[in-house]
C-alpha atoms as a PDB file:
ATOM      1  CA  MET A   1       8.683  25.706  12.929  1.00  0.00           C
ATOM      2  CA  THR A   2      10.552  25.231   9.646  1.00  0.00           C
ATOM      3  CA  ASP A   3      10.731  21.455  10.192  1.00  0.00           C
ATOM      4  CA  LEU A   4       7.018  21.377  10.990  1.00  0.00           C
ATOM      5  CA  LEU A   5       6.154  23.240   7.795  1.00  0.00           C
ATOM      6  CA  ILE A   6       8.347  20.884   5.759  1.00  0.00           C
ATOM      7  CA  LEU A   7       6.510  17.865   7.222  1.00  0.00           C
ATOM      8  CA  ILE A   8       3.088  19.412   6.610  1.00  0.00           C
ATOM      9  CA  PHE A   9       4.109  20.225   3.034  1.00  0.00           C
ATOM     10  CA  SER A  10       5.388  16.651   2.568  1.00  0.00           C
ATOM     11  CA  GLY A  11       2.056  15.302   3.777  1.00  0.00           C
ATOM     12  CA  ALA A  12       0.220  17.658   1.427  1.00  0.00           C
ATOM     13  CA  LEU A  13       2.417  16.609  -1.504  1.00  0.00           C
ATOM     14  CA  VAL A  14       1.804  12.903  -0.943  1.00  0.00           C
ATOM     15  CA  GLY A  15      -1.905  13.512  -0.305  1.00  0.00           C
ATOM     16  CA  PHE A  16      -2.105  15.464  -3.558  1.00  0.00           C
ATOM     17  CA  ALA A  17      -0.471  12.540  -5.399  1.00  0.00           C
ATOM     18  CA  ILE A  18      -2.959  10.118  -3.846  1.00  0.00           C
ATOM     19  CA  GLY A  19      -5.916  12.276  -4.842  1.00  0.00           C
ATOM     20  CA  LEU A  20      -4.522  12.853  -8.328  1.00  0.00           C
ATOM     21  CA  THR A  21      -3.560   9.292  -9.291  1.00  0.00           C
ATOM     22  CA  GLY A  22      -5.246   7.065  -6.684  1.00  0.00           C
ATOM     23  CA  VAL A  23      -1.904   5.379  -5.906  1.00  0.00           C
ATOM     24  CA  GLY A  24       1.465   6.199  -4.441  1.00  0.00           C
ATOM     25  CA  GLY A  25       0.717   6.951  -0.777  1.00  0.00           C
ATOM     26  CA  GLY A  26       2.949   4.461   0.999  1.00  0.00           C
ATOM     27  CA  SER A  27       5.286   4.301  -1.968  1.00  0.00           C
ATOM     28  CA  LEU A  28       6.090   8.012  -1.693  1.00  0.00           C
ATOM     29  CA  MET A  29       5.785   8.807   2.007  1.00  0.00           C
ATOM     30  CA  THR A  30       8.430   6.430   3.357  1.00  0.00           C
ATOM     31  CA  PRO A  31      11.105   7.514   0.820  1.00  0.00           C
ATOM     32  CA  ILE A  32      10.376  11.177   1.591  1.00  0.00           C
ATOM     33  CA  LEU A  33      10.790  10.557   5.319  1.00  0.00           C
ATOM     34  CA  LEU A  34      14.077   8.728   4.707  1.00  0.00           C
ATOM     35  CA  LEU A  35      15.352  11.622   2.600  1.00  0.00           C
ATOM     36  CA  LEU A  36      14.381  13.966   5.451  1.00  0.00           C
ATOM     37  CA  GLY A  37      16.670  12.002   7.759  1.00  0.00           C
ATOM     38  CA  TYR A  38      14.281   9.745   9.687  1.00  0.00           C
ATOM     39  CA  PRO A  39      15.496   6.217  10.486  1.00  0.00           C
ATOM     40  CA  ALA A  40      13.976   3.538   8.247  1.00  0.00           C
ATOM     41  CA  PRO A  41      12.023   1.753  11.038  1.00  0.00           C
ATOM     42  CA  VAL A  42      10.463   5.032  12.238  1.00  0.00           C
ATOM     43  CA  ALA A  43       9.668   6.145   8.679  1.00  0.00           C
ATOM     44  CA  ILE A  44       8.004   2.823   7.860  1.00  0.00           C
ATOM     45  CA  GLY A  45       6.113   2.522  11.146  1.00  0.00           C
ATOM     46  CA  THR A  46       4.785   6.071  10.977  1.00  0.00           C
ATOM     47  CA  ASP A  47       3.834   5.670   7.333  1.00  0.00           C
ATOM     48  CA  LEU A  48       1.871   2.486   8.089  1.00  0.00           C
ATOM     49  CA  LEU A  49      -0.379   4.302  10.564  1.00  0.00           C
ATOM     50  CA  TYR A  50      -0.594   7.234   8.140  1.00  0.00           C
ATOM     51  CA  ALA A  51      -1.822   4.847   5.439  1.00  0.00           C
ATOM     52  CA  ALA A  52      -4.382   3.257   7.774  1.00  0.00           C
ATOM     53  CA  VAL A  53      -5.900   6.664   8.564  1.00  0.00           C
ATOM     54  CA  THR A  54      -5.905   8.054   5.022  1.00  0.00           C
ATOM     55  CA  LYS A  55      -7.358   4.904   3.450  1.00  0.00           C
ATOM     56  CA  THR A  56     -10.185   4.407   5.978  1.00  0.00           C
ATOM     57  CA  SER A  57     -12.631   6.748   4.260  1.00  0.00           C
ATOM     58  CA  GLY A  58     -12.062   4.826   1.019  1.00  0.00           C
ATOM     59  CA  VAL A  59     -13.340   1.621   2.627  1.00  0.00           C
ATOM     60  CA  PHE A  60     -16.670   3.215   3.552  1.00  0.00           C
ATOM     61  CA  PHE A  61     -17.001   4.718   0.091  1.00  0.00           C
ATOM     62  CA  HIS A  62     -16.380   1.409  -1.709  1.00  0.00           C
ATOM     63  CA  HIS A  63     -18.576  -0.503   0.722  1.00  0.00           C
ATOM     64  CA  ARG A  64     -21.496   1.836  -0.018  1.00  0.00           C
ATOM     65  CA  LYS A  65     -20.874   1.325  -3.740  1.00  0.00           C
ATOM     66  CA  GLN A  66     -20.765  -2.476  -3.201  1.00  0.00           C
ATOM     67  CA  ASN A  67     -17.250  -2.626  -4.627  1.00  0.00           C
ATOM     68  CA  VAL A  68     -15.812  -4.897  -1.916  1.00  0.00           C
ATOM     69  CA  ASN A  69     -15.717  -8.689  -2.051  1.00  0.00           C
ATOM     70  CA  TRP A  70     -15.517  -9.300   1.683  1.00  0.00           C
ATOM     71  CA  LYS A  71     -14.721 -13.000   1.470  1.00  0.00           C
ATOM     72  CA  ALA A  72     -11.689 -12.397  -0.751  1.00  0.00           C
ATOM     73  CA  MET A  73     -10.650  -9.558   1.550  1.00  0.00           C
ATOM     74  CA  THR A  74     -10.990 -11.865   4.570  1.00  0.00           C
ATOM     75  CA  MET A  75      -8.807 -14.535   2.979  1.00  0.00           C
ATOM     76  CA  LEU A  76      -6.126 -11.972   2.165  1.00  0.00           C
ATOM     77  CA  ALA A  77      -6.249 -10.652   5.726  1.00  0.00           C
ATOM     78  CA  ALA A  78      -6.158 -14.177   7.170  1.00  0.00           C
ATOM     79  CA  GLY A  79      -2.800 -14.606   5.471  1.00  0.00           C
ATOM     80  CA  SER A  80      -1.324 -11.116   5.851  1.00  0.00           C
ATOM     81  CA  ILE A  81      -2.215 -10.055   9.392  1.00  0.00           C
ATOM     82  CA  PRO A  82      -0.775 -13.086  11.274  1.00  0.00           C
ATOM     83  CA  VAL A  83       2.447 -12.692   9.255  1.00  0.00           C
ATOM     84  CA  SER A  84       2.607  -9.012  10.206  1.00  0.00           C
ATOM     85  CA  VAL A  85       2.069  -9.816  13.891  1.00  0.00           C
ATOM     86  CA  GLY A  86       4.699 -12.561  13.699  1.00  0.00           C
ATOM     87  CA  LEU A  87       7.291 -10.200  12.216  1.00  0.00           C
ATOM     88  CA  THR A  88       6.555  -7.663  14.960  1.00  0.00           C
ATOM     89  CA  LEU A  89       7.072 -10.290  17.657  1.00  0.00           C
ATOM     90  CA  LEU A  90      10.372 -11.385  16.080  1.00  0.00           C
ATOM     91  CA  VAL A  91      11.633  -7.796  16.083  1.00  0.00           C
ATOM     92  CA  ARG A  92      10.714  -7.438  19.756  1.00  0.00           C
ATOM     93  CA  LYS A  93      12.079 -10.824  20.845  1.00  0.00           C
ATOM     94  CA  TYR A  94      15.488 -10.430  19.217  1.00  0.00           C
ATOM     95  CA  GLY A  95      15.835  -6.664  19.691  1.00  0.00           C
ATOM     96  CA  LEU A  96      16.247  -6.097  15.972  1.00  0.00           C
ATOM     97  CA  ALA A  97      15.090  -2.480  16.177  1.00  0.00           C
ATOM     98  CA  GLU A  98      18.418  -1.510  17.780  1.00  0.00           C
ATOM     99  CA  SER A  99      20.491  -3.240  15.115  1.00  0.00           C
ATOM    100  CA  GLU A 100      22.130  -1.249  12.313  1.00  0.00           C
ATOM    101  CA  ASN A 101      21.689  -4.243  10.031  1.00  0.00           C
ATOM    102  CA  TYR A 102      17.930  -4.073  10.588  1.00  0.00           C
ATOM    103  CA  GLU A 103      17.750  -0.560   9.140  1.00  0.00           C
ATOM    104  CA  GLU A 104      19.920  -1.598   6.187  1.00  0.00           C
ATOM    105  CA  VAL A 105      17.684  -4.604   5.477  1.00  0.00           C
ATOM    106  CA  LEU A 106      14.541  -2.450   5.632  1.00  0.00           C
ATOM    107  CA  THR A 107      16.014   0.183   3.318  1.00  0.00           C
ATOM    108  CA  THR A 108      17.148  -2.363   0.727  1.00  0.00           C
ATOM    109  CA  PHE A 109      13.813  -4.166   0.885  1.00  0.00           C
ATOM    110  CA  LEU A 110      12.037  -0.825   0.437  1.00  0.00           C
ATOM    111  CA  GLY A 111      14.106  -0.091  -2.660  1.00  0.00           C
ATOM    112  CA  ILE A 112      13.236  -3.451  -4.209  1.00  0.00           C
ATOM    113  CA  MET A 113       9.548  -2.943  -3.442  1.00  0.00           C
ATOM    114  CA  LEU A 114       9.579   0.541  -5.001  1.00  0.00           C
ATOM    115  CA  VAL A 115      11.085  -0.805  -8.227  1.00  0.00           C
ATOM    116  CA  LEU A 116       8.529  -3.630  -8.272  1.00  0.00           C
ATOM    117  CA  THR A 117       5.677  -1.207  -7.577  1.00  0.00           C
ATOM    118  CA  SER A 118       6.753   1.090 -10.412  1.00  0.00           C
ATOM    119  CA  LEU A 119       6.715  -1.856 -12.817  1.00  0.00           C
ATOM    120  CA  VAL A 120       3.316  -3.032 -11.595  1.00  0.00           C
ATOM    121  CA  ILE A 121       1.816   0.445 -12.053  1.00  0.00           C
ATOM    122  CA  ALA A 122       3.410   0.732 -15.498  1.00  0.00           C
ATOM    123  CA  PHE A 123       1.857  -2.526 -16.683  1.00  0.00           C
ATOM    124  CA  GLN A 124      -1.324  -2.446 -14.588  1.00  0.00           C
ATOM    125  CA  LYS A 125      -3.676  -1.586 -17.445  1.00  0.00           C
ATOM    126  CA  HIS A 126      -1.978  -4.154 -19.692  1.00  0.00           C
ATOM    127  CA  ILE A 127      -2.425  -6.791 -16.986  1.00  0.00           C
ATOM    128  CA  GLN A 128      -6.077  -5.846 -16.627  1.00  0.00           C
ATOM    129  CA  ARG A 129      -6.697  -6.123 -20.377  1.00  0.00           C
ATOM    130  CA  ARG A 130      -4.884  -9.454 -20.684  1.00  0.00           C
ATOM    131  CA  LEU A 131      -6.467 -11.124 -17.663  1.00  0.00           C
ATOM    132  CA  GLY A 132     -10.048  -9.960 -17.763  1.00  0.00           C
ATOM    133  CA  GLN A 133     -12.668  -7.927 -19.478  1.00  0.00           C
ATOM    134  CA  GLY A 134     -14.126  -6.251 -16.384  1.00  0.00           C
ATOM    135  CA  THR A 135     -17.629  -7.603 -16.929  1.00  0.00           C
ATOM    136  CA  VAL A 136     -18.394  -9.563 -13.778  1.00  0.00           C
ATOM    137  CA  PRO A 137     -19.842  -7.750 -10.734  1.00  0.00           C
ATOM    138  CA  PRO A 138     -18.599  -8.598  -7.240  1.00  0.00           C
ATOM    139  CA  ASP A 139     -19.951 -11.701  -5.535  1.00  0.00           C
ATOM    140  CA  HIS A 140     -20.529 -10.630  -1.936  1.00  0.00           C
ATOM    141  CA  HIS A 141     -21.418 -14.106  -0.699  1.00  0.00           C
ATOM    142  CA  GLY A 142     -18.340 -15.955  -1.887  1.00  0.00           C
ATOM    143  CA  ILE A 143     -15.242 -15.878  -4.014  1.00  0.00           C
ATOM    144  CA  GLU A 144     -15.989 -16.189  -7.688  1.00  0.00           C
ATOM    145  CA  PRO A 145     -13.907 -18.884  -9.435  1.00  0.00           C
ATOM    146  CA  PRO A 146     -11.362 -17.253 -11.738  1.00  0.00           C
ATOM    147  CA  PHE A 147     -11.539 -17.214 -15.496  1.00  0.00           C
ATOM    148  CA  TYR A 148      -8.909 -19.939 -15.730  1.00  0.00           C
ATOM    149  CA  GLY A 149     -11.378 -22.517 -14.410  1.00  0.00           C
ATOM    150  CA  TYR A 150      -9.515 -23.525 -11.269  1.00  0.00           C
ATOM    151  CA  PRO A 151     -11.683 -24.974  -8.476  1.00  0.00           C
ATOM    152  CA  GLN A 152     -12.822 -22.375  -5.960  1.00  0.00           C
ATOM    153  CA  LYS A 153     -10.929 -24.006  -3.072  1.00  0.00           C
ATOM    154  CA  HIS A 154      -7.649 -23.612  -4.989  1.00  0.00           C
ATOM    155  CA  THR A 155      -8.329 -19.926  -5.538  1.00  0.00           C
ATOM    156  CA  THR A 156      -9.096 -19.489  -1.839  1.00  0.00           C
ATOM    157  CA  ILE A 157      -5.824 -21.146  -0.834  1.00  0.00           C
ATOM    158  CA  ILE A 158      -3.819 -19.093  -3.327  1.00  0.00           C
ATOM    159  CA  THR A 159      -5.502 -15.910  -2.052  1.00  0.00           C
ATOM    160  CA  PHE A 160      -4.470 -16.848   1.487  1.00  0.00           C
ATOM    161  CA  ILE A 161      -0.856 -17.531   0.456  1.00  0.00           C
ATOM    162  CA  LEU A 162      -0.535 -14.308  -1.520  1.00  0.00           C
ATOM    163  CA  GLY A 163      -2.018 -12.508   1.476  1.00  0.00           C
ATOM    164  CA  MET A 164       0.946 -13.802   3.466  1.00  0.00           C
ATOM    165  CA  VAL A 165       3.294 -12.398   0.825  1.00  0.00           C
ATOM    166  CA  LEU A 166       1.586  -9.008   1.060  1.00  0.00           C
ATOM    167  CA  GLY A 167       1.914  -9.176   4.847  1.00  0.00           C
ATOM    168  CA  VAL A 168       5.689  -9.416   4.515  1.00  0.00           C
ATOM    169  CA  CYS A 169       5.901  -6.677   1.866  1.00  0.00           C
ATOM    170  CA  VAL A 170       3.743  -4.151   3.684  1.00  0.00           C
ATOM    171  CA  THR A 171       5.203  -4.783   7.150  1.00  0.00           C
ATOM    172  CA  MET A 172       8.799  -4.620   5.935  1.00  0.00           C
ATOM    173  CA  ALA A 173       8.457  -1.657   3.592  1.00  0.00           C
ATOM    174  CA  SER A 174       4.982  -0.071   4.033  1.00  0.00           C
ATOM    175  CA  VAL A 175       4.689  -0.602   0.263  1.00  0.00           C
ATOM    176  CA  GLY A 176       2.604  -3.052  -1.738  1.00  0.00           C
ATOM    177  CA  ALA A 177      -0.897  -2.908  -0.282  1.00  0.00           C
ATOM    178  CA  GLY A 178      -2.122  -0.740  -3.158  1.00  0.00           C
ATOM    179  CA  ALA A 179      -0.572  -1.450  -6.548  1.00  0.00           C
ATOM    180  CA  ILE A 180       0.799  -4.926  -5.838  1.00  0.00           C
ATOM    181  CA  GLY A 181      -2.362  -5.943  -3.967  1.00  0.00           C
ATOM    182  CA  ALA A 182      -4.430  -4.856  -6.974  1.00  0.00           C
ATOM    183  CA  ALA A 183      -2.174  -6.796  -9.354  1.00  0.00           C
ATOM    184  CA  ILE A 184      -2.651  -9.930  -7.249  1.00  0.00           C
ATOM    185  CA  LEU A 185      -6.437  -9.537  -7.315  1.00  0.00           C
ATOM    186  CA  PHE A 186      -6.430  -8.959 -11.086  1.00  0.00           C
ATOM    187  CA  LEU A 187      -4.379 -12.132 -11.445  1.00  0.00           C
ATOM    188  CA  LEU A 188      -6.647 -14.254  -9.239  1.00  0.00           C
ATOM    189  CA  TYR A 189      -9.992 -12.820 -10.320  1.00  0.00           C
ATOM    190  CA  PRO A 190      -9.554 -11.603 -13.912  1.00  0.00           C
ATOM    191  CA  ARG A 191     -13.290 -11.236 -14.546  1.00  0.00           C
ATOM    192  CA  TRP A 192     -13.825  -8.800 -11.706  1.00  0.00           C
ATOM    193  CA  ASN A 193     -14.656  -5.155 -12.372  1.00  0.00           C
ATOM    194  CA  ALA A 194     -11.714  -2.804 -11.823  1.00  0.00           C
ATOM    195  CA  THR A 195     -13.721  -1.029  -9.114  1.00  0.00           C
ATOM    196  CA  THR A 196     -14.152  -4.323  -7.252  1.00  0.00           C
ATOM    197  CA  VAL A 197     -10.406  -4.917  -7.360  1.00  0.00           C
ATOM    198  CA  VAL A 198      -9.690  -1.418  -6.045  1.00  0.00           C
ATOM    199  CA  GLY A 199     -12.372  -1.590  -3.358  1.00  0.00           C
ATOM    200  CA  THR A 200     -11.312  -5.021  -2.111  1.00  0.00           C
ATOM    201  CA  GLY A 201      -7.650  -3.966  -2.113  1.00  0.00           C
ATOM    202  CA  ILE A 202      -8.356  -0.881  -0.021  1.00  0.00           C
ATOM    203  CA  ALA A 203     -10.554  -2.856   2.385  1.00  0.00           C
ATOM    204  CA  HIS A 204      -7.635  -5.240   2.939  1.00  0.00           C
ATOM    205  CA  ALA A 205      -5.004  -2.490   3.157  1.00  0.00           C
ATOM    206  CA  VAL A 206      -6.617  -0.677   6.091  1.00  0.00           C
ATOM    207  CA  PRO A 207      -6.529  -3.502   8.697  1.00  0.00           C
ATOM    208  CA  LEU A 208      -3.126  -4.683   7.455  1.00  0.00           C
ATOM    209  CA  THR A 209      -1.466  -1.268   7.675  1.00  0.00           C
ATOM    210  CA  LEU A 210      -3.176  -0.622  11.020  1.00  0.00           C
ATOM    211  CA  VAL A 211      -1.974  -3.892  12.560  1.00  0.00           C
ATOM    212  CA  ALA A 212       1.526  -3.476  11.122  1.00  0.00           C
ATOM    213  CA  GLY A 213       1.658   0.155  12.265  1.00  0.00           C
ATOM    214  CA  LEU A 214       0.523  -0.746  15.774  1.00  0.00           C
ATOM    215  CA  GLY A 215       3.260  -3.373  15.823  1.00  0.00           C
ATOM    216  CA  TYR A 216       5.859  -0.693  15.080  1.00  0.00           C
ATOM    217  CA  LEU A 217       4.228   1.513  17.720  1.00  0.00           C
ATOM    218  CA  ALA A 218       4.515  -1.284  20.302  1.00  0.00           C
ATOM    219  CA  ASN A 219       8.217  -1.538  19.460  1.00  0.00           C
ATOM    220  CA  GLY A 220       8.680   2.211  19.913  1.00  0.00           C
ATOM    221  CA  LEU A 221       9.169   2.885  16.212  1.00  0.00           C
ATOM    222  CA  VAL A 222       6.406   5.431  15.501  1.00  0.00           C
ATOM    223  CA  ASP A 223       6.795   9.207  15.830  1.00  0.00           C
ATOM    224  CA  MET A 224       3.318  10.430  16.785  1.00  0.00           C
ATOM    225  CA  SER A 225       4.107  14.129  16.313  1.00  0.00           C
ATOM    226  CA  LEU A 226       5.416  13.300  12.856  1.00  0.00           C
ATOM    227  CA  LEU A 227       2.245  11.342  12.092  1.00  0.00           C
ATOM    228  CA  LEU A 228       0.006  14.238  13.130  1.00  0.00           C
ATOM    229  CA  SER A 229       2.029  16.703  11.043  1.00  0.00           C
ATOM    230  CA  LEU A 230       1.719  14.506   7.963  1.00  0.00           C
ATOM    231  CA  LEU A 231      -2.020  14.081   8.436  1.00  0.00           C
ATOM    232  CA  VAL A 232      -2.536  17.835   8.806  1.00  0.00           C
ATOM    233  CA  GLY A 233      -1.047  18.325   5.358  1.00  0.00           C
ATOM    234  CA  SER A 234      -2.262  15.197   3.597  1.00  0.00           C
ATOM    235  CA  LEU A 235      -6.012  15.404   4.165  1.00  0.00           C
ATOM    236  CA  PRO A 236      -6.449  18.744   2.365  1.00  0.00           C
ATOM    237  CA  GLY A 237      -3.861  17.538  -0.179  1.00  0.00           C
ATOM    238  CA  ILE A 238      -5.999  14.510  -1.018  1.00  0.00           C
ATOM    239  CA  TYR A 239      -9.077  16.722  -1.349  1.00  0.00           C
ATOM    240  CA  LEU A 240      -7.267  19.121  -3.683  1.00  0.00           C
ATOM    241  CA  GLY A 241      -5.758  16.344  -5.790  1.00  0.00           C
ATOM    242  CA  THR A 242      -9.129  14.666  -6.201  1.00  0.00           C
ATOM    243  CA  HIS A 243     -10.794  17.834  -7.423  1.00  0.00           C
ATOM    244  CA  VAL A 244      -8.103  19.034  -9.836  1.00  0.00           C
ATOM    245  CA  GLY A 245      -7.260  15.599 -11.206  1.00  0.00           C
ATOM    246  CA  SER A 246      -9.353  16.201 -14.313  1.00  0.00           C
ATOM    247  CA  LEU A 247      -7.065  19.111 -15.260  1.00  0.00           C
ATOM    248  CA  PHE A 248      -4.012  16.867 -15.662  1.00  0.00           C
ATOM    249  CA  PRO A 249      -3.677  14.061 -18.228  1.00  0.00           C
ATOM    250  CA  ASP A 250      -3.781  10.754 -16.366  1.00  0.00           C
ATOM    251  CA  LYS A 251      -1.086   9.239 -18.581  1.00  0.00           C
ATOM    252  CA  VAL A 252       1.341  12.074 -17.833  1.00  0.00           C
ATOM    253  CA  MET A 253       0.802  11.938 -14.058  1.00  0.00           C
ATOM    254  CA  ARG A 254       1.147   8.155 -13.915  1.00  0.00           C
ATOM    255  CA  THR A 255       4.348   8.360 -15.983  1.00  0.00           C
ATOM    256  CA  ILE A 256       5.815  10.898 -13.554  1.00  0.00           C
ATOM    257  CA  LEU A 257       4.845   8.673 -10.619  1.00  0.00           C
ATOM    258  CA  ILE A 258       6.337   5.563 -12.257  1.00  0.00           C
ATOM    259  CA  VAL A 259       9.642   7.300 -13.020  1.00  0.00           C
ATOM    260  CA  ALA A 260       9.836   8.757  -9.488  1.00  0.00           C
ATOM    261  CA  LEU A 261       9.212   5.384  -7.847  1.00  0.00           C
ATOM    262  CA  LEU A 262      11.714   3.643 -10.127  1.00  0.00           C
ATOM    263  CA  LEU A 263      14.465   6.183  -9.431  1.00  0.00           C
ATOM    264  CA  LEU A 264      13.787   6.130  -5.681  1.00  0.00           C
ATOM    265  CA  GLY A 265      13.817   2.344  -5.700  1.00  0.00           C
ATOM    266  CA  LEU A 266      17.159   2.187  -7.496  1.00  0.00           C
ATOM    267  CA  TYR A 267      18.575   4.815  -5.146  1.00  0.00           C
ATOM    268  CA  PHE A 268      17.590   3.008  -1.960  1.00  0.00           C
ATOM    269  CA  THR A 269      18.661  -0.358  -3.347  1.00  0.00           C
ATOM    270  CA  LEU A 270      22.036   0.596  -4.835  1.00  0.00           C
ATOM    271  CA  VAL A 271      23.153   3.904  -3.335  1.00  0.00           C
ATOM    272  CA  TYR A 272      21.557   4.822   0.006  1.00  0.00           C
END
């Protein structure tokens, strides 16, 4: 019962952070599960399905608000999802899940991704100001050429390639679909509204985390009872965080999140 309450509380804590800051779900959940003693593959696989469930409602919300550029999302997914499936098949074919080196690789990769995510979040607003003015609404019938003036076909190809990169990051560490995905979209489409970047990023994150999570499930690396416990705590946590967010200064909360991710990243990279 004590372990169950700890897991529910962990889910509530991460859900509260998501509702409060809008970021940090995958970046916080996997490290917490590792610190609680779960093996890295199980922590990552369970967190991927957790992310798919908790982000689904966000897709419907942003779709209703017309904040999703579906063609850009499709190009990202065309790159990321096949990579995720390919990594899953490699793990199954070579029996990597039973290897101690596999867990060490995942943990180190997670640490690197946490450090990178903390830096992206820290400079996200600076990136947004430098790359675009947030004045162009989403183009739902095609990908808008970026501010730099590159031909549209080049932007489409680059979107596809960076989708592949995200596929590796998210599948290997359950981190990157949110903050790093948003940074990529800001880079490629600097004249997009911030809401379009967020909406498109979430729309891409859901199928990617679902496919990656199902891959871990197929390899026996998802703890379903753990997943249910986390969801029980996180859903009310997200609701509470969303409604009390106005009581906390955004700058303070983001600073706390950045420092936490940076310290966790350094710990898993250099110490764990």
